[in-house]
C-alpha atoms as a PDB file:
ATOM      1  CA  MET A   1      72.644 278.849 -51.309  1.00  0.00           C
ATOM      2  CA  PRO A   2      76.518 279.781 -51.624  1.00  0.00           C
ATOM      3  CA  ASN A   3      77.760 279.561 -54.990  1.00  0.00           C
ATOM      4  CA  ASP A   4      80.265 277.293 -54.030  1.00  0.00           C
ATOM      5  CA  ARG A   5      78.197 274.553 -52.909  1.00  0.00           C
ATOM      6  CA  ILE A   6      78.049 271.509 -55.118  1.00  0.00           C
ATOM      7  CA  THR A   7      74.483 271.444 -55.677  1.00  0.00           C
ATOM      8  CA  LYS A   8      74.327 275.172 -56.795  1.00  0.00           C
ATOM      9  CA  VAL A   9      77.303 274.408 -58.984  1.00  0.00           C
ATOM     10  CA  VAL A  10      75.858 271.464 -60.708  1.00  0.00           C
ATOM     11  CA  PHE A  11      72.491 273.762 -60.807  1.00  0.00           C
ATOM     12  CA  LEU A  12      74.092 276.767 -62.775  1.00  0.00           C
ATOM     13  CA  TRP A  13      76.267 274.467 -64.887  1.00  0.00           C
ATOM     14  CA  ASP A  14      72.903 272.756 -66.173  1.00  0.00           C
ATOM     15  CA  TYR A  15      70.823 275.915 -66.053  1.00  0.00           C
ATOM     16  CA  SER A  16      73.393 277.572 -68.384  1.00  0.00           C
ATOM     17  CA  LEU A  17      73.238 274.595 -71.316  1.00  0.00           C
ATOM     18  CA  ARG A  18      69.248 274.627 -71.592  1.00  0.00           C
ATOM     19  CA  ILE A  19      69.478 276.873 -74.462  1.00  0.00           C
ATOM     20  CA  ARG A  20      71.570 274.849 -76.577  1.00  0.00           C
ATOM     21  CA  ILE A  21      70.223 271.292 -75.345  1.00  0.00           C
ATOM     22  CA  LYS A  22      66.787 269.761 -73.982  1.00  0.00           C
ATOM     23  CA  ASN A  23      68.204 269.099 -70.288  1.00  0.00           C
ATOM     24  CA  TRP A  24      66.500 269.452 -66.921  1.00  0.00           C
ATOM     25  CA  SER A  25      66.509 272.929 -66.871  1.00  0.00           C
ATOM     26  CA  TYR A  26      64.885 273.173 -70.497  1.00  0.00           C
ATOM     27  CA  ASP A  27      61.819 271.151 -68.955  1.00  0.00           C
ATOM     28  CA  ILE A  28      61.459 273.240 -65.891  1.00  0.00           C
ATOM     29  CA  ALA A  29      61.721 276.595 -68.094  1.00  0.00           C
ATOM     30  CA  ASN A  30      58.653 274.986 -69.845  1.00  0.00           C
ATOM     31  CA  VAL A  31      57.068 274.033 -66.593  1.00  0.00           C
ATOM     32  CA  PHE A  32      57.517 277.438 -65.367  1.00  0.00           C
ATOM     33  CA  ARG A  33      56.183 279.223 -68.792  1.00  0.00           C
ATOM     34  CA  ASP A  34      53.053 276.914 -68.397  1.00  0.00           C
ATOM     35  CA  ILE A  35      52.077 278.667 -65.175  1.00  0.00           C
ATOM     36  CA  ASN A  36      53.272 282.001 -66.103  1.00  0.00           C
ATOM     37  CA  LEU A  37      56.034 282.504 -63.966  1.00  0.00           C
ATOM     38  CA  GLN A  38      58.754 282.102 -66.467  1.00  0.00           C
ATOM     39  CA  SER A  39      60.316 285.215 -65.411  1.00  0.00           C
ATOM     40  CA  LYS A  40      61.062 283.804 -62.039  1.00  0.00           C
ATOM     41  CA  PHE A  41      63.350 281.087 -63.475  1.00  0.00           C
ATOM     42  CA  LEU A  42      65.127 283.470 -65.824  1.00  0.00           C
ATOM     43  CA  ASN A  43      66.002 285.628 -63.224  1.00  0.00           C
ATOM     44  CA  LEU A  44      66.381 282.723 -60.649  1.00  0.00           C
ATOM     45  CA  GLU A  45      63.991 284.282 -58.175  1.00  0.00           C
ATOM     46  CA  THR A  46      62.428 282.712 -55.027  1.00  0.00           C
ATOM     47  CA  LEU A  47      59.089 280.646 -55.884  1.00  0.00           C
ATOM     48  CA  ASN A  48      56.241 280.556 -53.647  1.00  0.00           C
ATOM     49  CA  LEU A  49      55.732 276.781 -53.884  1.00  0.00           C
ATOM     50  CA  ASP A  50      52.177 276.752 -52.478  1.00  0.00           C
ATOM     51  CA  ASP A  51      51.489 279.175 -55.529  1.00  0.00           C
ATOM     52  CA  ALA A  52      52.959 276.907 -57.728  1.00  0.00           C
ATOM     53  CA  PHE A  53      51.552 273.771 -56.783  1.00  0.00           C
ATOM     54  CA  CYS A  54      47.946 275.094 -57.087  1.00  0.00           C
ATOM     55  CA  LYS A  55      48.862 276.476 -60.826  1.00  0.00           C
ATOM     56  CA  LEU A  56      50.058 273.069 -61.695  1.00  0.00           C
ATOM     57  CA  THR A  57      46.962 271.213 -59.975  1.00  0.00           C
ATOM     58  CA  ASP A  58      44.759 273.531 -62.222  1.00  0.00           C
ATOM     59  CA  ILE A  59      46.465 272.889 -65.202  1.00  0.00           C
ATOM     60  CA  SER A  60      46.744 269.190 -64.399  1.00  0.00           C
ATOM     61  CA  ASP A  61      42.839 268.890 -63.579  1.00  0.00           C
ATOM     62  CA  ARG A  62      41.661 270.986 -66.731  1.00  0.00           C
ATOM     63  CA  LYS A  63      43.923 268.392 -69.103  1.00  0.00           C
ATOM     64  CA  TRP A  64      42.435 265.704 -67.081  1.00  0.00           C
ATOM     65  CA  PHE A  65      38.743 266.862 -67.613  1.00  0.00           C
ATOM     66  CA  MET A  66      38.889 267.402 -71.289  1.00  0.00           C
ATOM     67  CA  ASP A  67      40.521 264.190 -71.657  1.00  0.00           C
ATOM     68  CA  VAL A  68      37.729 262.367 -70.063  1.00  0.00           C
ATOM     69  CA  CYS A  69      34.989 264.377 -71.948  1.00  0.00           C
ATOM     70  CA  ARG A  70      36.817 263.111 -75.122  1.00  0.00           C
ATOM     71  CA  LYS A  71      35.776 259.449 -74.322  1.00  0.00           C
ATOM     72  CA  PRO A  72      32.262 258.376 -75.192  1.00  0.00           C
ATOM     73  CA  LYS A  73      32.300 255.467 -72.602  1.00  0.00           C
ATOM     74  CA  LEU A  74      32.670 257.696 -69.821  1.00  0.00           C
ATOM     75  CA  ARG A  75      29.106 259.473 -70.651  1.00  0.00           C
ATOM     76  CA  THR A  76      27.929 258.798 -66.995  1.00  0.00           C
ATOM     77  CA  TYR A  77      31.433 259.685 -65.366  1.00  0.00           C
ATOM     78  CA  VAL A  78      31.559 263.027 -66.764  1.00  0.00           C
ATOM     79  CA  SER A  79      28.335 264.020 -65.903  1.00  0.00           C
ATOM     80  CA  PHE A  80      29.636 263.992 -62.162  1.00  0.00           C
ATOM     81  CA  LYS A  81      33.064 263.578 -61.761  1.00  0.00           C
ATOM     82  CA  LYS A  82      34.293 267.211 -61.719  1.00  0.00           C
ATOM     83  CA  LYS A  83      37.948 266.879 -59.823  1.00  0.00           C
ATOM     84  CA  TYR A  84      40.560 264.760 -59.986  1.00  0.00           C
ATOM     85  CA  GLU A  85      40.741 263.097 -56.639  1.00  0.00           C
ATOM     86  CA  THR A  86      40.348 260.076 -54.345  1.00  0.00           C
ATOM     87  CA  GLU A  87      36.401 258.995 -54.283  1.00  0.00           C
ATOM     88  CA  ASN A  88      34.646 258.673 -51.307  1.00  0.00           C
ATOM     89  CA  TYR A  89      33.203 255.277 -52.165  1.00  0.00           C
ATOM     90  CA  LEU A  90      36.757 253.884 -52.071  1.00  0.00           C
ATOM     91  CA  LEU A  91      36.924 254.444 -48.522  1.00  0.00           C
ATOM     92  CA  GLN A  92      33.469 252.930 -47.824  1.00  0.00           C
ATOM     93  CA  PRO A  93      32.957 249.132 -46.531  1.00  0.00           C
ATOM     94  CA  LEU A  94      31.810 247.647 -49.563  1.00  0.00           C
ATOM     95  CA  SER A  95      32.394 244.397 -50.576  1.00  0.00           C
ATOM     96  CA  ARG A  96      34.815 243.560 -53.315  1.00  0.00           C
ATOM     97  CA  PRO A  97      31.930 242.742 -55.754  1.00  0.00           C
ATOM     98  CA  LYS A  98      30.087 245.654 -55.050  1.00  0.00           C
ATOM     99  CA  ARG A  99      32.990 247.930 -55.349  1.00  0.00           C
ATOM    100  CA  SER A 100      33.750 246.460 -58.642  1.00  0.00           C
ATOM    101  CA  ILE A 101      30.305 246.800 -59.750  1.00  0.00           C
ATOM    102  CA  LEU A 102      29.994 250.415 -58.811  1.00  0.00           C
ATOM    103  CA  ALA A 103      33.398 251.169 -60.395  1.00  0.00           C
ATOM    104  CA  GLN A 104      32.203 249.573 -63.775  1.00  0.00           C
ATOM    105  CA  PHE A 105      29.003 251.542 -63.491  1.00  0.00           C
ATOM    106  CA  ARG A 106      30.635 254.603 -62.942  1.00  0.00           C
ATOM    107  CA  THR A 107      33.255 253.993 -65.752  1.00  0.00           C
ATOM    108  CA  GLY A 108      31.251 253.001 -68.732  1.00  0.00           C
ATOM    109  CA  ILE A 109      32.072 249.396 -68.484  1.00  0.00           C
ATOM    110  CA  LEU A 110      29.244 247.597 -66.734  1.00  0.00           C
ATOM    111  CA  PRO A 111      28.133 244.867 -69.709  1.00  0.00           C
ATOM    112  CA  LEU A 112      24.526 246.996 -70.736  1.00  0.00           C
ATOM    113  CA  LYS A 113      23.725 246.667 -73.921  1.00  0.00           C
ATOM    114  CA  VAL A 114      25.573 250.402 -74.966  1.00  0.00           C
ATOM    115  CA  GLU A 115      28.729 248.663 -74.298  1.00  0.00           C
ATOM    116  CA  THR A 116      28.480 245.136 -75.218  1.00  0.00           C
ATOM    117  CA  GLY A 117      26.707 246.399 -78.606  1.00  0.00           C
ATOM    118  CA  ARG A 118      30.018 247.998 -79.349  1.00  0.00           C
ATOM    119  CA  PHE A 119      31.665 244.425 -80.021  1.00  0.00           C
ATOM    120  CA  GLN A 120      28.554 243.482 -82.232  1.00  0.00           C
ATOM    121  CA  GLN A 121      28.902 246.660 -84.145  1.00  0.00           C
ATOM    122  CA  LEU A 122      25.834 248.027 -83.619  1.00  0.00           C
ATOM    123  CA  PRO A 123      24.600 251.473 -83.851  1.00  0.00           C
ATOM    124  CA  VAL A 124      24.164 253.240 -80.682  1.00  0.00           C
ATOM    125  CA  GLU A 125      20.639 253.739 -81.537  1.00  0.00           C
ATOM    126  CA  ASP A 126      20.113 250.091 -81.754  1.00  0.00           C
ATOM    127  CA  ARG A 127      21.655 248.940 -78.444  1.00  0.00           C
ATOM    128  CA  THR A 128      18.376 249.004 -76.650  1.00  0.00           C
ATOM    129  CA  CYS A 129      17.227 247.276 -73.806  1.00  0.00           C
ATOM    130  CA  ASN A 130      15.830 244.051 -73.914  1.00  0.00           C
ATOM    131  CA  PHE A 131      14.257 243.612 -70.593  1.00  0.00           C
ATOM    132  CA  CYS A 132      11.465 246.246 -70.496  1.00  0.00           C
ATOM    133  CA  LEU A 133       8.670 247.358 -73.083  1.00  0.00           C
ATOM    134  CA  GLY A 134      10.313 250.596 -74.706  1.00  0.00           C
ATOM    135  CA  SER A 135      12.935 251.039 -77.115  1.00  0.00           C
ATOM    136  CA  GLU A 136      15.390 253.276 -74.986  1.00  0.00           C
ATOM    137  CA  ILE A 137      19.025 252.372 -75.336  1.00  0.00           C
ATOM    138  CA  GLU A 138      20.041 250.512 -72.272  1.00  0.00           C
ATOM    139  CA  ASP A 139      22.755 252.852 -70.875  1.00  0.00           C
ATOM    140  CA  GLU A 140      23.495 253.674 -67.237  1.00  0.00           C
ATOM    141  CA  LYS A 141      20.517 256.223 -67.009  1.00  0.00           C
ATOM    142  CA  HIS A 142      18.136 253.896 -68.224  1.00  0.00           C
ATOM    143  CA  PHE A 143      19.504 251.229 -66.144  1.00  0.00           C
ATOM    144  CA  LEU A 144      19.591 253.294 -62.827  1.00  0.00           C
ATOM    145  CA  PHE A 145      16.242 255.363 -63.594  1.00  0.00           C
ATOM    146  CA  ASP A 146      13.976 253.646 -66.157  1.00  0.00           C
ATOM    147  CA  CYS A 147      13.881 250.155 -66.656  1.00  0.00           C
ATOM    148  CA  SER A 148      10.882 248.266 -65.418  1.00  0.00           C
ATOM    149  CA  LEU A 149      12.797 245.373 -64.461  1.00  0.00           C
ATOM    150  CA  TYR A 150      14.459 247.156 -61.680  1.00  0.00           C
ATOM    151  CA  ASN A 151      11.140 248.735 -60.103  1.00  0.00           C
ATOM    152  CA  SER A 152      10.779 247.451 -57.005  1.00  0.00           C
ATOM    153  CA  LEU A 153      14.772 247.776 -56.100  1.00  0.00           C
ATOM    154  CA  ARG A 154      14.832 251.094 -57.443  1.00  0.00           C
ATOM    155  CA  ASP A 155      11.957 251.923 -55.310  1.00  0.00           C
ATOM    156  CA  THR A 156      13.755 250.859 -52.225  1.00  0.00           C
ATOM    157  CA  LEU A 157      16.740 253.014 -53.235  1.00  0.00           C
ATOM    158  CA  PHE A 158      15.078 256.293 -53.910  1.00  0.00           C
ATOM    159  CA  GLY A 159      13.097 255.567 -50.999  1.00  0.00           C
ATOM    160  CA  LYS A 160      16.044 255.418 -48.678  1.00  0.00           C
ATOM    161  CA  VAL A 161      17.693 258.013 -50.170  1.00  0.00           C
ATOM    162  CA  HIS A 162      14.762 260.433 -50.097  1.00  0.00           C
ATOM    163  CA  ALA A 163      14.562 259.709 -46.128  1.00  0.00           C
ATOM    164  CA  LEU A 164      17.808 261.075 -45.918  1.00  0.00           C
ATOM    165  CA  TYR A 165      17.585 263.795 -48.444  1.00  0.00           C
ATOM    166  CA  PRO A 166      14.036 265.097 -48.970  1.00  0.00           C
ATOM    167  CA  GLU A 167      14.903 267.072 -51.676  1.00  0.00           C
ATOM    168  CA  PHE A 168      15.836 264.244 -53.917  1.00  0.00           C
ATOM    169  CA  ASN A 169      12.824 263.521 -55.825  1.00  0.00           C
ATOM    170  CA  ALA A 170      12.619 267.437 -56.827  1.00  0.00           C
ATOM    171  CA  LEU A 171      16.432 267.548 -58.379  1.00  0.00           C
ATOM    172  CA  HIS A 172      17.412 267.312 -61.730  1.00  0.00           C
ATOM    173  CA  ILE A 173      18.705 263.900 -62.896  1.00  0.00           C
ATOM    174  CA  THR A 174      22.209 264.920 -63.190  1.00  0.00           C
ATOM    175  CA  ASP A 175      21.817 266.419 -59.719  1.00  0.00           C
ATOM    176  CA  LYS A 176      20.130 262.972 -58.872  1.00  0.00           C
ATOM    177  CA  VAL A 177      22.868 260.945 -60.129  1.00  0.00           C
ATOM    178  CA  GLU A 178      25.894 263.139 -58.576  1.00  0.00           C
ATOM    179  CA  LEU A 179      24.089 262.907 -55.237  1.00  0.00           C
ATOM    180  CA  LEU A 180      23.953 258.995 -55.263  1.00  0.00           C
ATOM    181  CA  MET A 181      27.308 258.789 -56.376  1.00  0.00           C
ATOM    182  CA  PHE A 182      28.933 261.157 -53.352  1.00  0.00           C
ATOM    183  CA  LYS A 183      26.404 261.147 -50.652  1.00  0.00           C
ATOM    184  CA  THR A 184      24.969 257.440 -50.573  1.00  0.00           C
ATOM    185  CA  PRO A 185      27.393 255.225 -52.437  1.00  0.00           C
ATOM    186  CA  ILE A 186      26.654 252.149 -50.416  1.00  0.00           C
ATOM    187  CA  LEU A 187      23.169 252.487 -51.122  1.00  0.00           C
ATOM    188  CA  LEU A 188      23.747 252.952 -55.056  1.00  0.00           C
ATOM    189  CA  ALA A 189      26.359 249.913 -55.073  1.00  0.00           C
ATOM    190  CA  ASN A 190      23.374 247.783 -53.471  1.00  0.00           C
ATOM    191  CA  PHE A 191      21.079 248.653 -56.074  1.00  0.00           C
ATOM    192  CA  ILE A 192      23.368 248.121 -58.897  1.00  0.00           C
ATOM    193  CA  PHE A 193      24.758 244.759 -57.379  1.00  0.00           C
ATOM    194  CA  ASP A 194      21.100 243.575 -57.091  1.00  0.00           C
ATOM    195  CA  ALA A 195      19.818 244.869 -60.211  1.00  0.00           C
ATOM    196  CA  PHE A 196      22.355 243.373 -62.263  1.00  0.00           C
ATOM    197  CA  ASN A 197      21.949 239.894 -60.692  1.00  0.00           C
ATOM    198  CA  LYS A 198      18.249 240.328 -61.463  1.00  0.00           C
ATOM    199  CA  ARG A 199      19.399 241.517 -65.182  1.00  0.00           C
ATOM    200  CA  LYS A 200      21.548 238.315 -65.299  1.00  0.00           C
ATOM    201  CA  GLU A 201      18.743 236.015 -64.185  1.00  0.00           C
ATOM    202  CA  LYS A 202      16.139 237.292 -66.577  1.00  0.00           C
ATOM    203  CA  MET A 203      18.436 236.843 -69.456  1.00  0.00           C
ATOM    204  CA  TYR A 204      19.558 232.988 -68.892  1.00  0.00           C
ATOM    205  CA  ASP A 205      15.795 232.673 -68.210  1.00  0.00           C
ATOM    206  CA  SER A 206      14.912 233.767 -71.559  1.00  0.00           C
END
C-alpha cells in the first residue's frame, strides 16, 4: 500500500505511538508475540493469515480446555469434549425438551444429587443415589451406566447402540460416553429424557 494512503498514514502514526501508550498497535504486537510472530510486526512484514489463524485458534482452544478443566461440575463434559466447536447434537432433529435435557446432562447441571447436594452443602461423598440399593454418588456416570432404576431403559439404549456399533460393549466407559455423545445423540437424549421422567415419578411417589 502506498505510504500516502490515509489508511497507511493512520496505521504508521498509531504504530509509532505503541511504545508510549497502550493503543491498538500495542495490543496487536502482543498478539503477534503470543503466536511467536512478533518480528513480523516489528519489521512490518507481510503475514500468512492462514498460519496466524491456526496459531490463534490453537491458543484459544488450549485456554478454553484449561478453563473447562477447572470447573468441577463439568466433570462429564471434560471427559468427551476436547475441541471448541459446534456440537453435532445441536443440528439433530430433537425436540426442545430433549435438546435441553441433553445439554443439562453434558454440562453437569441436570438436577441429580451430585448437583442438588451443592445447594444443601452436602459433602460430595454424601450425595448418594436414593433410587437404587447401592451407595454410589448420583452423578452422570451413575445415572447413565449404573442405577438399577433405569435398567430396562438402559438395556434398550445399549441394544440399539450395539446394533449400530458392535464394538460398543467392549469399550472403556470414557469411550462409551464419547461414542454416545457424538455418534448417537438422539438415542442418548431419548434415554436421558425418559430416565429422568422416571426418576421424577419415583421421587414423587415416595
